[in-house]
Amino acid sequence: MPPSSPITGDVAVMNRLLIVRDNGTATVVVGWPGADVDWDVDVFDSRGRPVSQAASLDNPERAVLVDPAPGTYTVQVTNYAGGTAATDWTASVEFAPPTPGVYSGLKEAWNLTCADRSGQVLGTREVIVDRGRIAHIGDPCGRMSPSEKQAS
């Protein structure tokens, strides 16, 4: 759980991070000026559950939230080595938009067969669909979906 006060010993809590729109990622970036200093980053959701962490030797540390839900997050910055919690680090948050789906232009062809428990074939349909898409085909055993009825 993150501490409740902004600065306690070797731990600092950034102001609460509020995410209000759809983001592909939110990256909390924490850096520091000295080579003999190291800060670690933990990010918690509104219920206090950890959702991201950065604890390496990198400067800056980058804690990435992938497809974060809108809400309030707490960022905890912990002094792993050297420095002081009140003055030795800077932080920012970088937002990136969601990555749009990619349409390959490829189509897939399938033969869909409906059979009863004894194995007797009740119906067969050829289904052609764009790769990565969904085809609404109705009941493969003979009944059509509402959209197929409207199209016919």
N, C-alpha and C. Protein backbone atom coordinates (compact mmCIF):
# COMPACT_ATOMS: atom_id res chain seq x y z
N MET A 1 0.84 -1.18 0.00
CA MET A 1 0.00 0.00 0.00
C MET A 1 0.88 1.24 0.00
N PRO A 2 0.50 2.27 -0.73
CA PRO A 2 1.28 3.49 -0.73
C PRO A 2 1.12 4.24 0.59
N PRO A 3 2.16 4.99 1.01
CA PRO A 3 2.01 5.79 2.22
C PRO A 3 1.01 6.91 2.00
N SER A 4 0.44 7.42 3.09
CA SER A 4 -0.59 8.45 2.96
C SER A 4 -0.03 9.86 2.93
N SER A 5 1.16 10.09 3.49
CA SER A 5 1.71 11.44 3.49
C SER A 5 2.63 11.63 2.29
N PRO A 6 2.79 12.89 1.84
CA PRO A 6 3.60 13.14 0.64
C PRO A 6 5.06 12.72 0.76
N ILE A 7 5.71 12.97 1.90
CA ILE A 7 7.11 12.59 2.04
C ILE A 7 7.32 11.99 3.42
N THR A 8 7.81 10.76 3.46
CA THR A 8 8.09 10.11 4.74
C THR A 8 9.44 9.42 4.62
N GLY A 9 10.47 9.98 5.22
CA GLY A 9 11.81 9.37 5.17
C GLY A 9 12.31 9.25 3.75
N ASP A 10 12.49 8.01 3.28
CA ASP A 10 13.03 7.78 1.95
C ASP A 10 11.95 7.49 0.91
N VAL A 11 10.70 7.81 1.22
CA VAL A 11 9.61 7.57 0.29
C VAL A 11 8.87 8.87 0.01
N ALA A 12 8.59 9.13 -1.25
CA ALA A 12 7.81 10.31 -1.64
C ALA A 12 6.61 9.84 -2.44
N VAL A 13 5.47 10.49 -2.24
CA VAL A 13 4.28 10.17 -3.01
C VAL A 13 3.98 11.36 -3.90
N MET A 14 4.02 11.12 -5.21
CA MET A 14 3.67 12.16 -6.16
C MET A 14 2.22 12.52 -5.97
N ASN A 15 1.83 13.70 -6.39
CA ASN A 15 0.41 14.03 -6.38
C ASN A 15 -0.35 12.93 -7.10
N ARG A 16 -1.57 12.75 -6.74
CA ARG A 16 -2.38 11.69 -7.34
C ARG A 16 -2.47 11.91 -8.85
N LEU A 17 -2.38 10.83 -9.58
CA LEU A 17 -2.45 10.85 -11.04
C LEU A 17 -3.87 10.49 -11.44
N LEU A 18 -4.52 11.37 -12.17
CA LEU A 18 -5.90 11.13 -12.61
C LEU A 18 -5.90 10.89 -14.11
N ILE A 19 -6.39 9.72 -14.52
CA ILE A 19 -6.51 9.39 -15.93
C ILE A 19 -7.99 9.46 -16.28
N VAL A 20 -8.34 10.35 -17.22
CA VAL A 20 -9.76 10.58 -17.50
C VAL A 20 -10.20 10.17 -18.89
N ARG A 21 -9.31 9.77 -19.75
CA ARG A 21 -9.72 9.36 -21.10
C ARG A 21 -8.99 8.11 -21.52
N ASP A 22 -9.38 7.60 -22.66
CA ASP A 22 -8.79 6.37 -23.18
C ASP A 22 -7.35 6.62 -23.61
N ASN A 23 -6.43 5.92 -23.01
CA ASN A 23 -5.02 6.02 -23.36
C ASN A 23 -4.49 4.62 -23.63
N GLY A 24 -3.62 4.51 -24.61
CA GLY A 24 -2.97 3.24 -24.86
C GLY A 24 -1.99 2.93 -23.76
N THR A 25 -1.24 3.95 -23.34
CA THR A 25 -0.31 3.81 -22.22
C THR A 25 -0.23 5.13 -21.47
N ALA A 26 0.11 5.01 -20.19
CA ALA A 26 0.50 6.16 -19.36
C ALA A 26 1.84 5.75 -18.76
N THR A 27 2.87 6.55 -18.98
CA THR A 27 4.21 6.21 -18.50
C THR A 27 4.64 7.24 -17.47
N VAL A 28 4.90 6.78 -16.25
CA VAL A 28 5.41 7.65 -15.19
C VAL A 28 6.93 7.62 -15.30
N VAL A 29 7.51 8.81 -15.51
CA VAL A 29 8.95 8.93 -15.71
C VAL A 29 9.54 9.67 -14.50
N VAL A 30 10.48 9.04 -13.81
CA VAL A 30 11.14 9.64 -12.66
C VAL A 30 12.64 9.64 -12.93
N GLY A 31 13.24 10.84 -12.85
CA GLY A 31 14.68 10.97 -13.09
C GLY A 31 15.36 11.72 -11.96
N TRP A 32 16.69 11.71 -11.96
CA TRP A 32 17.47 12.37 -10.92
C TRP A 32 18.80 12.79 -11.50
N PRO A 33 19.44 13.81 -10.90
CA PRO A 33 20.66 14.36 -11.49
C PRO A 33 21.94 13.58 -11.20
N GLY A 34 22.04 12.86 -10.11
CA GLY A 34 23.32 12.25 -9.74
C GLY A 34 23.44 10.79 -10.12
N ALA A 35 24.67 10.37 -10.44
CA ALA A 35 24.93 8.99 -10.80
C ALA A 35 24.91 8.07 -9.58
N ASP A 36 25.09 8.63 -8.38
CA ASP A 36 25.11 7.82 -7.16
C ASP A 36 23.74 7.71 -6.51
N VAL A 37 22.70 8.09 -7.24
CA VAL A 37 21.33 8.09 -6.72
C VAL A 37 20.51 7.08 -7.53
N ASP A 38 19.54 6.46 -6.87
CA ASP A 38 18.62 5.55 -7.56
C ASP A 38 17.26 5.61 -6.88
N TRP A 39 16.23 5.86 -7.67
CA TRP A 39 14.85 5.88 -7.18
C TRP A 39 14.07 4.78 -7.87
N ASP A 40 13.16 4.16 -7.14
CA ASP A 40 12.27 3.15 -7.70
C ASP A 40 10.85 3.71 -7.70
N VAL A 41 10.02 3.23 -8.62
CA VAL A 41 8.67 3.76 -8.80
C VAL A 41 7.66 2.63 -8.69
N ASP A 42 6.61 2.88 -7.93
CA ASP A 42 5.47 1.97 -7.84
C ASP A 42 4.21 2.77 -8.11
N VAL A 43 3.27 2.20 -8.88
CA VAL A 43 2.01 2.86 -9.18
C VAL A 43 0.88 1.97 -8.68
N PHE A 44 -0.07 2.58 -7.95
CA PHE A 44 -1.19 1.86 -7.36
C PHE A 44 -2.50 2.42 -7.90
N ASP A 45 -3.49 1.54 -8.07
CA ASP A 45 -4.81 2.02 -8.50
C ASP A 45 -5.56 2.59 -7.29
N SER A 46 -6.80 3.02 -7.51
CA SER A 46 -7.56 3.70 -6.45
C SER A 46 -7.87 2.79 -5.27
N ARG A 47 -7.74 1.48 -5.45
CA ARG A 47 -7.98 0.54 -4.35
C ARG A 47 -6.68 0.11 -3.67
N GLY A 48 -5.57 0.72 -4.06
CA GLY A 48 -4.28 0.42 -3.44
C GLY A 48 -3.57 -0.79 -4.02
N ARG A 49 -4.07 -1.31 -5.13
CA ARG A 49 -3.44 -2.47 -5.76
C ARG A 49 -2.31 -2.02 -6.69
N PRO A 50 -1.15 -2.70 -6.68
CA PRO A 50 -0.06 -2.31 -7.59
C PRO A 50 -0.44 -2.59 -9.04
N VAL A 51 -0.19 -1.61 -9.92
CA VAL A 51 -0.50 -1.78 -11.34
C VAL A 51 0.72 -1.59 -12.23
N SER A 52 1.79 -1.00 -11.71
CA SER A 52 3.02 -0.87 -12.48
C SER A 52 4.18 -0.59 -11.53
N GLN A 53 5.39 -0.89 -12.03
CA GLN A 53 6.57 -0.72 -11.21
C GLN A 53 7.78 -0.50 -12.11
N ALA A 54 8.74 0.26 -11.60
CA ALA A 54 10.03 0.42 -12.29
C ALA A 54 11.10 0.40 -11.21
N ALA A 55 11.94 -0.61 -11.24
CA ALA A 55 13.00 -0.76 -10.24
C ALA A 55 14.22 -1.35 -10.93
N SER A 56 14.96 -0.48 -11.59
CA SER A 56 16.16 -0.93 -12.31
C SER A 56 17.29 0.04 -11.99
N LEU A 57 18.35 -0.05 -12.72
CA LEU A 57 19.44 0.92 -12.57
C LEU A 57 19.33 2.04 -13.60
N ASP A 58 18.23 2.05 -14.35
CA ASP A 58 18.05 3.07 -15.38
C ASP A 58 17.75 4.43 -14.77
N ASN A 59 18.20 5.47 -15.43
CA ASN A 59 17.86 6.85 -15.08
C ASN A 59 17.49 7.55 -16.38
N PRO A 60 16.23 7.84 -16.58
CA PRO A 60 15.12 7.77 -15.63
C PRO A 60 14.48 6.39 -15.57
N GLU A 61 13.74 6.17 -14.47
CA GLU A 61 12.90 4.98 -14.34
C GLU A 61 11.61 5.26 -15.10
N ARG A 62 11.04 4.23 -15.73
CA ARG A 62 9.79 4.38 -16.49
C ARG A 62 8.83 3.27 -16.08
N ALA A 63 7.76 3.65 -15.38
CA ALA A 63 6.71 2.70 -14.99
C ALA A 63 5.57 2.87 -15.99
N VAL A 64 5.29 1.82 -16.77
CA VAL A 64 4.32 1.91 -17.85
C VAL A 64 3.02 1.23 -17.44
N LEU A 65 1.91 1.95 -17.60
CA LEU A 65 0.58 1.39 -17.41
C LEU A 65 0.03 1.16 -18.81
N VAL A 66 -0.27 -0.08 -19.15
CA VAL A 66 -0.78 -0.43 -20.48
C VAL A 66 -2.30 -0.42 -20.42
N ASP A 67 -2.91 0.35 -21.32
CA ASP A 67 -4.36 0.48 -21.41
C ASP A 67 -4.98 0.75 -20.04
N PRO A 68 -4.54 1.83 -19.38
CA PRO A 68 -5.03 2.10 -18.02
C PRO A 68 -6.50 2.52 -18.02
N ALA A 69 -7.23 1.99 -17.06
CA ALA A 69 -8.64 2.38 -16.92
C ALA A 69 -8.69 3.80 -16.38
N PRO A 70 -9.69 4.59 -16.81
CA PRO A 70 -9.83 5.92 -16.21
C PRO A 70 -9.97 5.80 -14.70
N GLY A 71 -9.35 6.70 -13.97
CA GLY A 71 -9.42 6.66 -12.51
C GLY A 71 -8.26 7.39 -11.88
N THR A 72 -8.15 7.25 -10.57
CA THR A 72 -7.11 7.92 -9.80
C THR A 72 -6.05 6.90 -9.42
N TYR A 73 -4.80 7.25 -9.64
CA TYR A 73 -3.68 6.39 -9.33
C TYR A 73 -2.74 7.11 -8.37
N THR A 74 -2.01 6.36 -7.56
CA THR A 74 -1.01 6.91 -6.65
C THR A 74 0.36 6.45 -7.13
N VAL A 75 1.28 7.41 -7.24
CA VAL A 75 2.65 7.10 -7.65
C VAL A 75 3.54 7.23 -6.43
N GLN A 76 4.23 6.15 -6.08
CA GLN A 76 5.15 6.14 -4.94
C GLN A 76 6.57 6.07 -5.48
N VAL A 77 7.42 6.98 -5.04
CA VAL A 77 8.81 7.02 -5.46
C VAL A 77 9.67 6.69 -4.22
N THR A 78 10.43 5.61 -4.29
CA THR A 78 11.21 5.14 -3.15
C THR A 78 12.70 5.32 -3.41
N ASN A 79 13.40 5.89 -2.44
CA ASN A 79 14.84 6.11 -2.54
C ASN A 79 15.55 4.78 -2.31
N TYR A 80 16.11 4.24 -3.39
CA TYR A 80 16.83 2.98 -3.28
C TYR A 80 18.28 3.22 -2.86
N ALA A 81 18.87 4.32 -3.37
CA ALA A 81 20.26 4.63 -3.02
C ALA A 81 20.52 6.12 -3.20
N GLY A 82 21.08 6.78 -2.16
CA GLY A 82 21.48 8.18 -2.23
C GLY A 82 20.31 9.13 -2.38
N GLY A 83 20.59 10.42 -2.39
CA GLY A 83 19.55 11.42 -2.62
C GLY A 83 18.65 11.66 -1.42
N THR A 84 17.79 12.66 -1.56
CA THR A 84 16.81 12.96 -0.52
C THR A 84 15.43 13.06 -1.15
N ALA A 85 14.43 12.61 -0.43
CA ALA A 85 13.07 12.55 -0.97
C ALA A 85 12.51 13.92 -1.32
N ALA A 86 12.92 14.95 -0.61
CA ALA A 86 12.33 16.26 -0.82
C ALA A 86 12.85 16.98 -2.07
N THR A 87 14.08 16.71 -2.51
CA THR A 87 14.68 17.56 -3.55
C THR A 87 15.37 16.85 -4.69
N ASP A 88 15.53 15.55 -4.65
CA ASP A 88 16.48 14.91 -5.55
C ASP A 88 15.90 14.28 -6.80
N TRP A 89 14.62 14.37 -7.07
CA TRP A 89 14.05 13.72 -8.23
C TRP A 89 13.03 14.61 -8.91
N THR A 90 12.80 14.33 -10.18
CA THR A 90 11.75 15.02 -10.93
C THR A 90 10.88 13.94 -11.57
N ALA A 91 9.63 14.28 -11.83
CA ALA A 91 8.71 13.29 -12.40
C ALA A 91 7.80 13.93 -13.42
N SER A 92 7.37 13.11 -14.36
CA SER A 92 6.39 13.52 -15.35
C SER A 92 5.60 12.30 -15.78
N VAL A 93 4.50 12.54 -16.48
CA VAL A 93 3.69 11.44 -17.00
C VAL A 93 3.52 11.67 -18.50
N GLU A 94 3.80 10.63 -19.28
CA GLU A 94 3.65 10.69 -20.73
C GLU A 94 2.47 9.80 -21.13
N PHE A 95 1.57 10.35 -21.92
CA PHE A 95 0.41 9.59 -22.39
C PHE A 95 0.56 9.29 -23.87
N ALA A 96 0.15 8.09 -24.27
CA ALA A 96 0.17 7.71 -25.68
C ALA A 96 -1.22 7.20 -26.04
N PRO A 97 -1.69 7.49 -27.25
CA PRO A 97 -3.03 7.04 -27.64
C PRO A 97 -3.06 5.53 -27.86
N PRO A 98 -4.26 4.96 -27.85
CA PRO A 98 -4.36 3.54 -28.17
C PRO A 98 -3.87 3.27 -29.58
N THR A 99 -3.32 2.10 -29.79
CA THR A 99 -2.86 1.73 -31.12
C THR A 99 -4.07 1.24 -31.91
N PRO A 100 -4.35 1.86 -33.05
CA PRO A 100 -5.50 1.40 -33.83
C PRO A 100 -5.26 0.01 -34.42
N GLY A 101 -6.35 -0.70 -34.63
CA GLY A 101 -6.25 -2.02 -35.25
C GLY A 101 -5.67 -1.92 -36.65
N VAL A 102 -5.04 -2.97 -37.08
CA VAL A 102 -4.42 -3.00 -38.40
C VAL A 102 -5.24 -3.93 -39.29
N TYR A 103 -5.64 -3.41 -40.44
CA TYR A 103 -6.38 -4.22 -41.40
C TYR A 103 -5.40 -4.71 -42.44
N SER A 104 -5.27 -6.01 -42.57
CA SER A 104 -4.28 -6.58 -43.48
C SER A 104 -4.77 -6.70 -44.91
N GLY A 105 -6.10 -6.64 -45.11
CA GLY A 105 -6.65 -6.81 -46.44
C GLY A 105 -6.81 -8.28 -46.82
N LEU A 106 -6.36 -9.18 -45.95
CA LEU A 106 -6.46 -10.60 -46.24
C LEU A 106 -7.83 -11.14 -45.84
N LYS A 107 -8.29 -12.10 -46.59
CA LYS A 107 -9.55 -12.77 -46.28
C LYS A 107 -9.26 -14.22 -45.96
N GLU A 108 -10.09 -14.77 -45.07
CA GLU A 108 -9.97 -16.18 -44.73
C GLU A 108 -11.23 -16.89 -45.16
N ALA A 109 -11.08 -18.09 -45.69
CA ALA A 109 -12.22 -18.89 -46.13
C ALA A 109 -12.30 -20.12 -45.24
N TRP A 110 -13.51 -20.40 -44.75
CA TRP A 110 -13.75 -21.53 -43.87
C TRP A 110 -14.96 -22.29 -44.36
N ASN A 111 -14.96 -23.59 -44.12
CA ASN A 111 -16.14 -24.42 -44.33
C ASN A 111 -16.66 -24.79 -42.96
N LEU A 112 -17.86 -24.34 -42.65
CA LEU A 112 -18.48 -24.60 -41.35
C LEU A 112 -19.52 -25.68 -41.52
N THR A 113 -19.42 -26.72 -40.72
CA THR A 113 -20.34 -27.85 -40.83
C THR A 113 -21.09 -28.02 -39.52
N CYS A 114 -22.40 -28.27 -39.64
CA CYS A 114 -23.24 -28.54 -38.47
C CYS A 114 -23.63 -30.01 -38.54
N ALA A 115 -23.40 -30.72 -37.42
CA ALA A 115 -23.75 -32.14 -37.39
C ALA A 115 -24.49 -32.43 -36.09
N ASP A 116 -25.34 -33.47 -36.13
CA ASP A 116 -26.02 -33.87 -34.90
C ASP A 116 -25.11 -34.81 -34.11
N ARG A 117 -25.61 -35.30 -32.97
CA ARG A 117 -24.80 -36.15 -32.09
C ARG A 117 -24.34 -37.44 -32.75
N SER A 118 -25.10 -37.92 -33.71
CA SER A 118 -24.72 -39.17 -34.38
C SER A 118 -23.70 -38.93 -35.50
N GLY A 119 -23.41 -37.64 -35.79
CA GLY A 119 -22.45 -37.32 -36.83
C GLY A 119 -23.06 -37.02 -38.18
N GLN A 120 -24.39 -37.10 -38.27
CA GLN A 120 -25.05 -36.79 -39.54
C GLN A 120 -24.96 -35.29 -39.80
N VAL A 121 -24.49 -34.93 -40.98
CA VAL A 121 -24.34 -33.53 -41.35
C VAL A 121 -25.71 -32.92 -41.62
N LEU A 122 -26.00 -31.81 -40.90
CA LEU A 122 -27.29 -31.13 -41.05
C LEU A 122 -27.18 -29.91 -41.97
N GLY A 123 -26.00 -29.37 -42.09
CA GLY A 123 -25.82 -28.21 -42.95
C GLY A 123 -24.35 -27.85 -43.06
N THR A 124 -24.01 -27.23 -44.16
CA THR A 124 -22.63 -26.78 -44.39
C THR A 124 -22.70 -25.38 -44.98
N ARG A 125 -21.80 -24.53 -44.54
CA ARG A 125 -21.72 -23.17 -45.07
C ARG A 125 -20.29 -22.80 -45.35
N GLU A 126 -20.09 -22.10 -46.44
CA GLU A 126 -18.79 -21.50 -46.71
C GLU A 126 -18.80 -20.11 -46.08
N VAL A 127 -17.79 -19.81 -45.28
CA VAL A 127 -17.71 -18.51 -44.62
C VAL A 127 -16.44 -17.83 -45.09
N ILE A 128 -16.58 -16.61 -45.60
CA ILE A 128 -15.42 -15.81 -46.01
C ILE A 128 -15.46 -14.55 -45.16
N VAL A 129 -14.36 -14.28 -44.48
CA VAL A 129 -14.31 -13.16 -43.54
C VAL A 129 -12.95 -12.47 -43.64
N ASP A 130 -12.95 -11.15 -43.45
CA ASP A 130 -11.68 -10.42 -43.39
C ASP A 130 -10.91 -10.89 -42.17
N ARG A 131 -9.60 -11.08 -42.32
CA ARG A 131 -8.76 -11.55 -41.21
C ARG A 131 -8.91 -10.62 -40.01
N GLY A 132 -9.15 -11.23 -38.86
CA GLY A 132 -9.28 -10.46 -37.63
C GLY A 132 -10.68 -9.92 -37.39
N ARG A 133 -11.62 -10.23 -38.27
CA ARG A 133 -13.00 -9.73 -38.15
C ARG A 133 -13.93 -10.86 -37.74
N ILE A 134 -15.17 -10.52 -37.46
CA ILE A 134 -16.18 -11.49 -37.06
C ILE A 134 -17.23 -11.57 -38.15
N ALA A 135 -17.65 -12.78 -38.48
CA ALA A 135 -18.73 -12.98 -39.45
C ALA A 135 -19.94 -13.49 -38.69
N HIS A 136 -21.07 -12.80 -38.81
CA HIS A 136 -22.32 -13.23 -38.19
C HIS A 136 -23.06 -14.07 -39.23
N ILE A 137 -23.09 -15.36 -39.00
CA ILE A 137 -23.63 -16.26 -40.02
C ILE A 137 -24.96 -16.89 -39.65
N GLY A 138 -25.47 -16.56 -38.47
CA GLY A 138 -26.73 -17.17 -38.07
C GLY A 138 -26.52 -18.61 -37.66
N ASP A 139 -27.56 -19.42 -37.79
CA ASP A 139 -27.52 -20.83 -37.41
C ASP A 139 -26.96 -21.64 -38.58
N PRO A 140 -25.78 -22.26 -38.43
CA PRO A 140 -25.21 -23.01 -39.54
C PRO A 140 -26.02 -24.25 -39.90
N CYS A 141 -27.01 -24.58 -39.07
CA CYS A 141 -27.85 -25.75 -39.35
C CYS A 141 -29.05 -25.40 -40.22
N GLY A 142 -29.13 -24.16 -40.69
CA GLY A 142 -30.18 -23.85 -41.63
C GLY A 142 -30.89 -22.53 -41.43
N ARG A 143 -31.01 -22.04 -40.20
CA ARG A 143 -31.70 -20.76 -40.00
C ARG A 143 -30.75 -19.62 -40.28
N MET A 144 -31.27 -18.52 -40.81
CA MET A 144 -30.45 -17.36 -41.11
C MET A 144 -30.51 -16.36 -39.96
N SER A 145 -29.44 -15.55 -39.82
CA SER A 145 -29.41 -14.49 -38.82
C SER A 145 -30.32 -13.36 -39.31
N PRO A 146 -30.77 -12.45 -38.41
CA PRO A 146 -31.63 -11.34 -38.81
C PRO A 146 -30.99 -10.48 -39.92
N SER A 147 -29.68 -10.27 -39.84
CA SER A 147 -29.03 -9.44 -40.87
C SER A 147 -29.02 -10.16 -42.21
N GLU A 148 -28.90 -11.49 -42.23
CA GLU A 148 -28.96 -12.22 -43.49
C GLU A 148 -30.36 -12.16 -44.08
N LYS A 149 -31.40 -12.23 -43.22
CA LYS A 149 -32.78 -12.15 -43.71
C LYS A 149 -33.03 -10.80 -44.36
N GLN A 150 -32.50 -9.71 -43.75
CA GLN A 150 -32.70 -8.38 -44.31
C GLN A 150 -31.98 -8.24 -45.64
N ALA A 151 -30.81 -8.88 -45.76
CA ALA A 151 -30.03 -8.77 -47.01
C ALA A 151 -30.63 -9.56 -48.14
N SER A 152 -31.41 -10.61 -47.83
CA SER A 152 -31.94 -11.45 -48.93
C SER A 152 -33.26 -10.93 -49.44
